[in-house]
Protein backbone atom coordinates (compact mmCIF):
# COMPACT_ATOMS: atom_id res chain seq x y z
CA MET A 1 -8.68 -1.66 16.27
CA ARG A 2 -11.46 -2.48 13.83
CA TYR A 3 -11.21 -5.16 11.15
CA ARG A 4 -12.57 -5.66 7.65
CA GLU A 5 -12.63 -8.65 5.35
CA LEU A 6 -10.13 -8.56 2.50
CA GLY A 7 -12.71 -8.81 -0.29
CA ARG A 8 -14.36 -12.22 -0.19
CA SER A 9 -11.18 -14.01 0.82
CA GLY A 10 -12.28 -14.77 4.36
CA LEU A 11 -9.13 -13.06 5.65
CA SER A 12 -9.84 -10.43 8.31
CA VAL A 13 -7.40 -7.51 8.27
CA SER A 14 -6.98 -4.46 10.48
CA GLU A 15 -8.30 -1.21 9.04
CA ILE A 16 -4.87 0.28 9.67
CA GLY A 17 -2.14 -1.93 8.28
CA TYR A 18 1.60 -1.37 8.28
CA GLY A 19 3.39 -0.19 5.14
CA ALA A 20 6.94 -1.52 5.48
CA TRP A 21 8.70 0.16 2.56
CA GLY A 22 10.35 2.81 4.68
CA ILE A 23 11.62 0.64 7.53
CA GLY A 24 15.20 -0.41 8.08
CA GLU A 25 17.61 1.48 5.89
CA SER A 26 16.17 1.43 2.40
CA ALA A 27 14.68 4.29 0.34
CA TRP A 28 13.88 6.47 3.36
CA VAL A 29 17.07 8.00 4.61
CA GLY A 30 17.33 8.06 8.39
CA ALA A 31 15.36 4.89 9.13
CA THR A 32 17.05 2.52 11.57
CA GLU A 33 16.37 -1.14 12.23
CA ASP A 34 15.98 -0.71 15.98
CA GLU A 35 13.37 2.01 15.56
CA SER A 36 11.57 -0.03 12.90
CA VAL A 37 11.42 -3.09 15.15
CA ARG A 38 9.99 -1.05 18.02
CA ALA A 39 7.38 0.46 15.71
CA LEU A 40 6.37 -2.93 14.35
CA HIS A 41 5.97 -4.42 17.82
CA ARG A 42 3.91 -1.45 18.97
CA ALA A 43 1.68 -1.74 15.90
CA ILE A 44 0.97 -5.39 16.70
CA ASP A 45 0.32 -4.47 20.34
CA LEU A 46 -2.35 -2.05 19.10
CA GLY A 47 -4.08 -4.58 16.87
CA VAL A 48 -2.39 -4.18 13.48
CA ASN A 49 -2.45 -7.61 11.83
CA LEU A 50 -1.37 -6.86 8.25
CA ILE A 51 2.15 -5.89 7.26
CA ASP A 52 2.94 -5.10 3.63
CA THR A 53 6.50 -5.54 2.38
CA ALA A 54 8.25 -6.47 -0.87
CA ARG A 55 11.29 -8.20 -2.32
CA GLY A 56 12.44 -4.78 -3.53
CA TYR A 57 12.29 -3.03 -0.14
CA GLY A 58 15.87 -3.53 0.97
CA GLU A 59 16.00 -5.28 4.35
CA SER A 60 12.27 -4.92 4.96
CA GLU A 61 11.33 -8.60 4.48
CA ARG A 62 14.05 -9.71 6.89
CA ILE A 63 12.99 -7.21 9.56
CA VAL A 64 9.30 -7.97 9.15
CA GLY A 65 9.95 -11.70 9.32
CA ARG A 66 12.00 -11.29 12.48
CA VAL A 67 9.20 -9.44 14.25
CA VAL A 68 6.42 -11.73 12.99
CA ARG A 69 8.32 -14.80 14.20
CA GLU A 70 8.77 -13.16 17.59
CA ARG A 71 5.02 -12.52 17.68
CA SER A 72 3.94 -15.94 16.41
CA GLY A 73 0.93 -16.05 18.73
CA ASP A 74 -0.58 -12.89 17.28
CA GLU A 75 -1.51 -14.26 13.82
CA VAL A 76 0.01 -11.36 11.91
CA ARG A 77 -0.66 -11.46 8.17
CA VAL A 78 2.23 -10.62 5.83
CA ALA A 79 1.92 -9.51 2.22
CA THR A 80 4.95 -9.30 -0.04
CA LYS A 81 5.57 -8.56 -3.71
CA VAL A 82 7.38 -10.13 -6.64
CA PRO A 83 9.30 -7.57 -8.69
CA PRO A 84 8.92 -7.78 -12.48
CA LYS A 85 11.68 -9.81 -14.08
CA ASN A 86 12.61 -6.88 -16.34
CA ARG A 87 12.75 -4.54 -13.28
CA ALA A 88 10.61 -1.92 -15.05
CA TRP A 89 8.25 0.27 -12.96
CA PRO A 90 5.54 0.96 -14.01
CA ALA A 91 4.84 -1.80 -16.53
CA PRO A 92 5.31 -0.43 -20.06
CA GLU A 93 2.64 -1.24 -22.62
CA GLY A 94 3.13 -4.03 -25.13
CA LEU A 95 5.14 -6.44 -22.98
CA ASP A 96 4.58 -10.18 -22.95
CA PRO A 97 4.18 -11.65 -19.45
CA VAL A 98 7.16 -13.89 -20.15
CA GLU A 99 9.24 -10.71 -19.84
CA THR A 100 7.72 -9.68 -16.52
CA PHE A 101 6.23 -12.57 -14.55
CA PRO A 102 7.15 -15.98 -15.97
CA GLY A 103 6.37 -18.83 -13.61
CA GLU A 104 9.97 -19.67 -12.75
CA HIS A 105 10.66 -16.05 -11.82
CA ILE A 106 7.59 -15.85 -9.56
CA ARG A 107 8.59 -19.04 -7.75
CA ALA A 108 12.25 -18.04 -7.40
CA SER A 109 11.34 -14.63 -6.01
CA LEU A 110 8.93 -16.15 -3.52
CA GLU A 111 11.51 -18.67 -2.33
CA THR A 112 14.02 -15.84 -1.86
CA SER A 113 11.45 -13.87 0.15
CA LEU A 114 10.66 -16.89 2.33
CA ARG A 115 14.35 -17.39 3.09
CA ALA A 116 14.90 -13.70 3.81
CA SER A 117 11.93 -13.50 6.16
CA GLY A 118 12.27 -16.90 7.79
CA LEU A 119 8.53 -17.46 7.23
CA ASP A 120 6.97 -20.62 5.82
CA HIS A 121 4.32 -18.81 3.77
CA PHE A 122 2.94 -15.40 2.87
CA ASP A 123 -0.69 -14.51 3.29
CA VAL A 124 -0.72 -12.39 0.13
CA LEU A 125 1.69 -12.59 -2.79
CA GLN A 126 1.43 -9.58 -5.09
CA PHE A 127 2.91 -8.69 -8.44
CA HIS A 128 4.66 -5.35 -8.00
CA VAL A 129 3.31 -4.01 -11.32
CA TRP A 130 0.41 -5.02 -13.50
CA SER A 131 -0.97 -4.75 -17.04
CA ASP A 132 -4.34 -6.09 -18.15
CA ASP A 133 -2.62 -7.11 -21.40
CA TRP A 134 -1.28 -10.14 -19.49
CA LEU A 135 -4.67 -11.72 -18.83
CA GLY A 136 -4.94 -15.13 -20.53
CA ARG A 137 -1.26 -15.12 -21.50
CA GLY A 138 1.79 -16.80 -20.00
CA ASP A 139 1.99 -19.26 -17.11
CA TRP A 140 1.75 -16.82 -14.20
CA LEU A 141 -1.79 -17.81 -13.22
CA ASP A 142 -0.94 -21.53 -13.22
CA THR A 143 2.07 -20.81 -11.03
CA VAL A 144 -0.04 -18.80 -8.59
CA ALA A 145 -2.51 -21.70 -8.34
CA GLU A 146 0.35 -24.14 -7.70
CA LEU A 147 1.81 -21.95 -4.93
CA LYS A 148 -1.62 -21.77 -3.27
CA ARG A 149 -1.96 -25.58 -3.40
CA GLU A 150 1.51 -25.96 -1.91
CA GLY A 151 0.55 -23.68 1.00
CA LYS A 152 3.30 -21.17 0.26
CA ILE A 153 0.78 -18.38 -0.32
CA ARG A 154 -2.85 -17.92 0.72
CA LEU A 155 -3.98 -15.18 -1.63
CA PHE A 156 -2.87 -13.51 -4.85
CA GLY A 157 -2.87 -9.79 -5.50
CA VAL A 158 -1.36 -7.09 -7.65
CA SER A 159 0.06 -3.68 -6.86
CA VAL A 160 -1.59 -1.42 -9.42
CA ASN A 161 0.68 0.92 -11.39
CA ASP A 162 1.03 4.35 -9.78
CA HIS A 163 -1.82 6.67 -10.81
CA GLN A 164 -3.19 4.09 -13.29
CA PRO A 165 -6.12 2.48 -11.43
CA ASP A 166 -7.93 1.47 -14.60
CA SER A 167 -4.98 -0.71 -15.64
CA ALA A 168 -6.32 -3.53 -13.42
CA LEU A 169 -10.05 -3.32 -14.18
CA ALA A 170 -10.10 -6.38 -16.44
CA LEU A 171 -8.14 -8.39 -13.88
CA VAL A 172 -10.59 -7.47 -11.12
CA ARG A 173 -13.53 -8.49 -13.30
CA SER A 174 -11.84 -11.76 -14.32
CA GLY A 175 -12.02 -13.40 -10.91
CA ALA A 176 -8.31 -14.25 -11.04
CA VAL A 177 -7.21 -11.93 -8.23
CA ASP A 178 -7.98 -11.76 -4.51
CA SER A 179 -6.76 -8.21 -3.80
CA VAL A 180 -5.38 -5.09 -5.39
CA GLN A 181 -3.11 -2.50 -3.87
CA VAL A 182 -3.63 1.02 -5.17
CA ILE A 183 -2.75 4.66 -4.53
CA TYR A 184 -5.86 6.38 -3.20
CA ASN A 185 -5.95 9.65 -1.29
CA VAL A 186 -7.57 13.08 -1.17
CA PHE A 187 -5.44 14.25 -4.09
CA ASP A 188 -5.63 11.06 -6.19
CA GLN A 189 -9.30 10.08 -6.09
CA ALA A 190 -9.32 8.34 -9.49
CA PRO A 191 -9.75 4.80 -8.05
CA ALA A 192 -13.22 5.81 -6.81
CA ASP A 193 -14.38 6.28 -10.41
CA GLU A 194 -14.24 2.65 -11.58
CA LEU A 195 -11.73 0.50 -9.70
CA LEU A 196 -13.24 0.64 -6.21
CA PRO A 197 -16.80 -0.04 -7.44
CA ALA A 198 -15.50 -2.97 -9.52
CA CYS A 199 -13.68 -4.40 -6.50
CA ALA A 200 -16.82 -4.12 -4.40
CA GLU A 201 -18.90 -5.83 -7.10
CA HIS A 202 -16.46 -8.70 -7.63
CA GLY A 203 -15.36 -9.25 -4.03
CA VAL A 204 -11.76 -8.14 -4.49
CA GLY A 205 -9.98 -6.74 -1.46
CA VAL A 206 -8.47 -3.26 -1.60
CA ILE A 207 -5.20 -2.34 0.10
CA VAL A 208 -4.63 1.41 -0.07
CA ARG A 209 -1.10 2.79 -0.22
CA VAL A 210 0.17 6.40 -0.22
CA ALA A 211 -2.93 7.56 1.68
CA LEU A 212 -0.95 10.51 3.05
CA ASP A 213 0.71 11.36 -0.29
CA GLU A 214 4.15 10.47 1.08
CA GLY A 215 3.72 13.26 3.66
CA GLY A 216 1.95 15.77 1.44
CA LEU A 217 -1.30 15.25 3.34
CA THR A 218 0.22 15.62 6.79
CA GLY A 219 0.90 19.36 6.69
CA ALA A 220 4.62 18.65 7.09
CA ILE A 221 5.62 19.57 3.52
CA THR A 222 6.28 23.26 2.98
CA ALA A 223 7.85 25.34 0.23
CA GLY A 224 11.19 25.07 2.03
CA SER A 225 11.16 21.30 2.54
CA THR A 226 14.30 19.45 1.46
CA PHE A 227 15.36 15.81 1.74
CA PRO A 228 18.71 14.06 2.02
CA GLU A 229 20.47 12.77 -1.06
CA GLY A 230 19.26 9.27 -1.83
CA ASP A 231 15.87 9.73 -0.18
CA PHE A 232 13.14 9.02 -2.75
CA ARG A 233 11.13 12.02 -1.51
CA ALA A 234 13.77 14.32 -3.00
CA ARG A 235 12.40 13.25 -6.38
CA TYR A 236 8.76 12.95 -5.33
CA PHE A 237 8.78 16.55 -4.06
CA ARG A 238 11.17 18.00 -6.63
CA GLY A 239 10.98 21.42 -8.22
CA ASP A 240 8.14 23.62 -7.02
CA ARG A 241 6.03 20.70 -5.85
CA PRO A 242 6.61 21.35 -2.13
CA ALA A 243 5.14 24.82 -2.57
CA GLN A 244 2.20 23.41 -4.53
CA VAL A 245 1.56 20.80 -1.85
CA GLU A 246 1.75 23.38 0.94
CA GLN A 247 -0.76 25.59 -0.84
CA ARG A 248 -3.19 22.75 -1.51
CA ALA A 249 -2.90 21.32 2.01
CA ALA A 250 -3.65 24.75 3.44
CA ALA A 251 -6.73 25.02 1.22
CA ILE A 252 -8.01 21.67 2.52
CA THR A 253 -7.61 22.64 6.16
CA ALA A 254 -9.28 25.98 5.52
CA ASP A 255 -12.24 24.39 3.73
CA LEU A 256 -12.69 21.80 6.47
CA GLY A 257 -12.16 24.32 9.24
CA ILE A 258 -9.50 22.21 10.94
CA ALA A 259 -6.02 22.84 12.29
CA PRO A 260 -3.03 21.85 10.12
CA ASP A 261 -2.09 19.07 12.55
CA GLU A 262 -5.50 17.46 11.96
CA LEU A 263 -4.95 17.04 8.23
CA ALA A 264 -3.41 13.55 8.40
CA GLU A 265 -6.31 12.29 10.51
CA HIS A 266 -8.87 13.53 8.01
CA ALA A 267 -6.85 12.16 5.09
CA LEU A 268 -6.85 8.65 6.58
CA ARG A 269 -10.52 8.88 7.52
CA PHE A 270 -11.25 9.87 3.92
CA VAL A 271 -9.76 6.59 2.68
CA LEU A 272 -11.54 4.50 5.32
CA SER A 273 -14.85 6.16 4.42
CA SER A 274 -15.01 3.96 1.32
CA PRO A 275 -16.68 0.61 2.10
CA ALA A 276 -14.69 -0.94 -0.77
CA VAL A 277 -11.42 -0.31 1.09
CA SER A 278 -10.24 -3.24 3.20
CA THR A 279 -7.20 -1.64 4.81
CA VAL A 280 -4.88 1.34 4.50
CA ILE A 281 -1.12 0.86 4.97
CA PRO A 282 0.60 4.12 5.95
CA GLY A 283 4.33 3.98 6.44
CA MET A 284 5.01 4.11 10.18
CA ARG A 285 8.68 4.30 11.08
CA SER A 286 8.22 5.44 14.69
CA VAL A 287 6.17 4.40 17.67
CA ARG A 288 4.63 7.88 17.70
CA ASN A 289 3.34 7.48 14.14
CA VAL A 290 2.00 4.02 14.94
CA GLU A 291 0.07 5.28 17.95
CA ARG A 292 -1.31 8.28 16.09
CA ASN A 293 -2.47 6.34 13.04
CA THR A 294 -3.91 3.27 14.76
CA ALA A 295 -6.03 5.52 17.00
CA LEU A 296 -8.05 6.45 13.91
CA SER A 297 -9.57 2.98 13.64
CA ASP A 298 -12.43 3.99 15.92
CA GLY A 299 -15.51 3.77 13.72
CA ARG A 300 -15.89 7.54 13.38
CA PRO A 301 -16.39 8.23 9.65
CA LEU A 302 -16.23 11.62 8.05
CA THR A 303 -19.58 13.34 7.58
CA PRO A 304 -21.19 13.60 4.12
CA ASP A 305 -20.44 17.32 4.18
CA GLN A 306 -16.77 16.69 4.89
CA LEU A 307 -16.55 14.14 2.08
CA THR A 308 -18.16 16.64 -0.28
CA VAL A 309 -15.54 19.22 0.67
CA LEU A 310 -12.68 16.78 0.13
CA ALA A 311 -14.05 15.69 -3.24
CA ARG A 312 -13.33 19.22 -4.47
CA HIS A 313 -9.62 18.86 -3.71
CA ARG A 314 -8.91 16.18 -6.28
CA TRP A 315 -5.56 16.96 -7.92
CA GLN A 316 -4.78 15.04 -11.08
CA ARG A 317 -1.03 14.72 -11.43
CA ASN A 318 1.72 12.15 -11.53
CA PHE A 319 4.63 12.82 -9.22
CA TYR A 320 6.69 10.08 -10.87
CA SER A 321 6.78 11.51 -14.37
C-alpha cells in the first residue's frame, strides 16, 4: 500500500481507503455484518488506514468502531459525517447555516457518533452537505475549532454536494477546511476543472467517493440489471440508465483496448492519476473486493495516452435528479 498526505494536514492516508456506506445492513441490500467485519479486517491487513463512515449510514459507525478498537495497534484513521439538521440532501440554496449546521447540532451529532462507535475521537469530522453561502455565517466554524481543541476531532472536512464540485470552491480558498470529499470518476470529471486545482493550491486534502460510479464503471451493470426493493441502486440505475451505462462502459473498454473485467482497475487508476487526490474510498463489502482494489496501490499510473482516451468519456449527468 502507498500513502499520501491529506492536503497539508500532516495526516498520512492510504491511497485506497474504505468507503463504509454499504456495510452492515443499510442502503445496500444483502450486506451482512459478519461479511463487513471480515472485509474491514482484511483491508487493514493490506494497509488501508482510512475508513469513511457517517452518522446517516445505519449501523456503519458501530461496526467500524468495533473493528478499529480491535485493531488499536494499527493506527486506523476514521472519518465520519454530521448530517444537516434539516435532513435535506443536497443542500438547497438560500438556507441559513442555523438551519443546517448550528453548533449545538454539530456537537450533539458528534457525541452520538462517538458513543455509537466506542471511539474517543474522529480523525476527520465532515459536514454531509455544503453550501458556500454559509461562509462567515453562523457558529459552525467556532464549534469546529472548539472540538479540535478538545481533542474530539483532528481535522474538519465537508462532503461536497453530488455533482456540484464548484459549490465548495470558496470554502477551499478560505482556509477554513482541511479536506473535501467529492464524486470524481471517468464519467464525472467536473472536479478536475476547478476544485482539484484549488485544493492543490490551498493544501486541502481530497477524498474521492463514487470512483466506480456505484458499479457503473465495473462492467457489472447491463441493460438487464435489476436491484432488490429498498436498495438505493434501484433508483440510481432507474429507467434506461443501465442500458446507457452498459453502452458507455463498452465504449471505454473498446477505446482503451482492455477486457471488460479490467474496467474497474482503470477507473480507480484514473482517479489516483491526479496528484491532488489524497485517497479514494470505494465501497468494499467483501474480502474479494478489498483484495482486488488494494492491489491497485502499486505506483503504476495510467499513461498520458490512456488519460487522453478517458478524458473523452466524460458524461455530464446527475443520477439523483
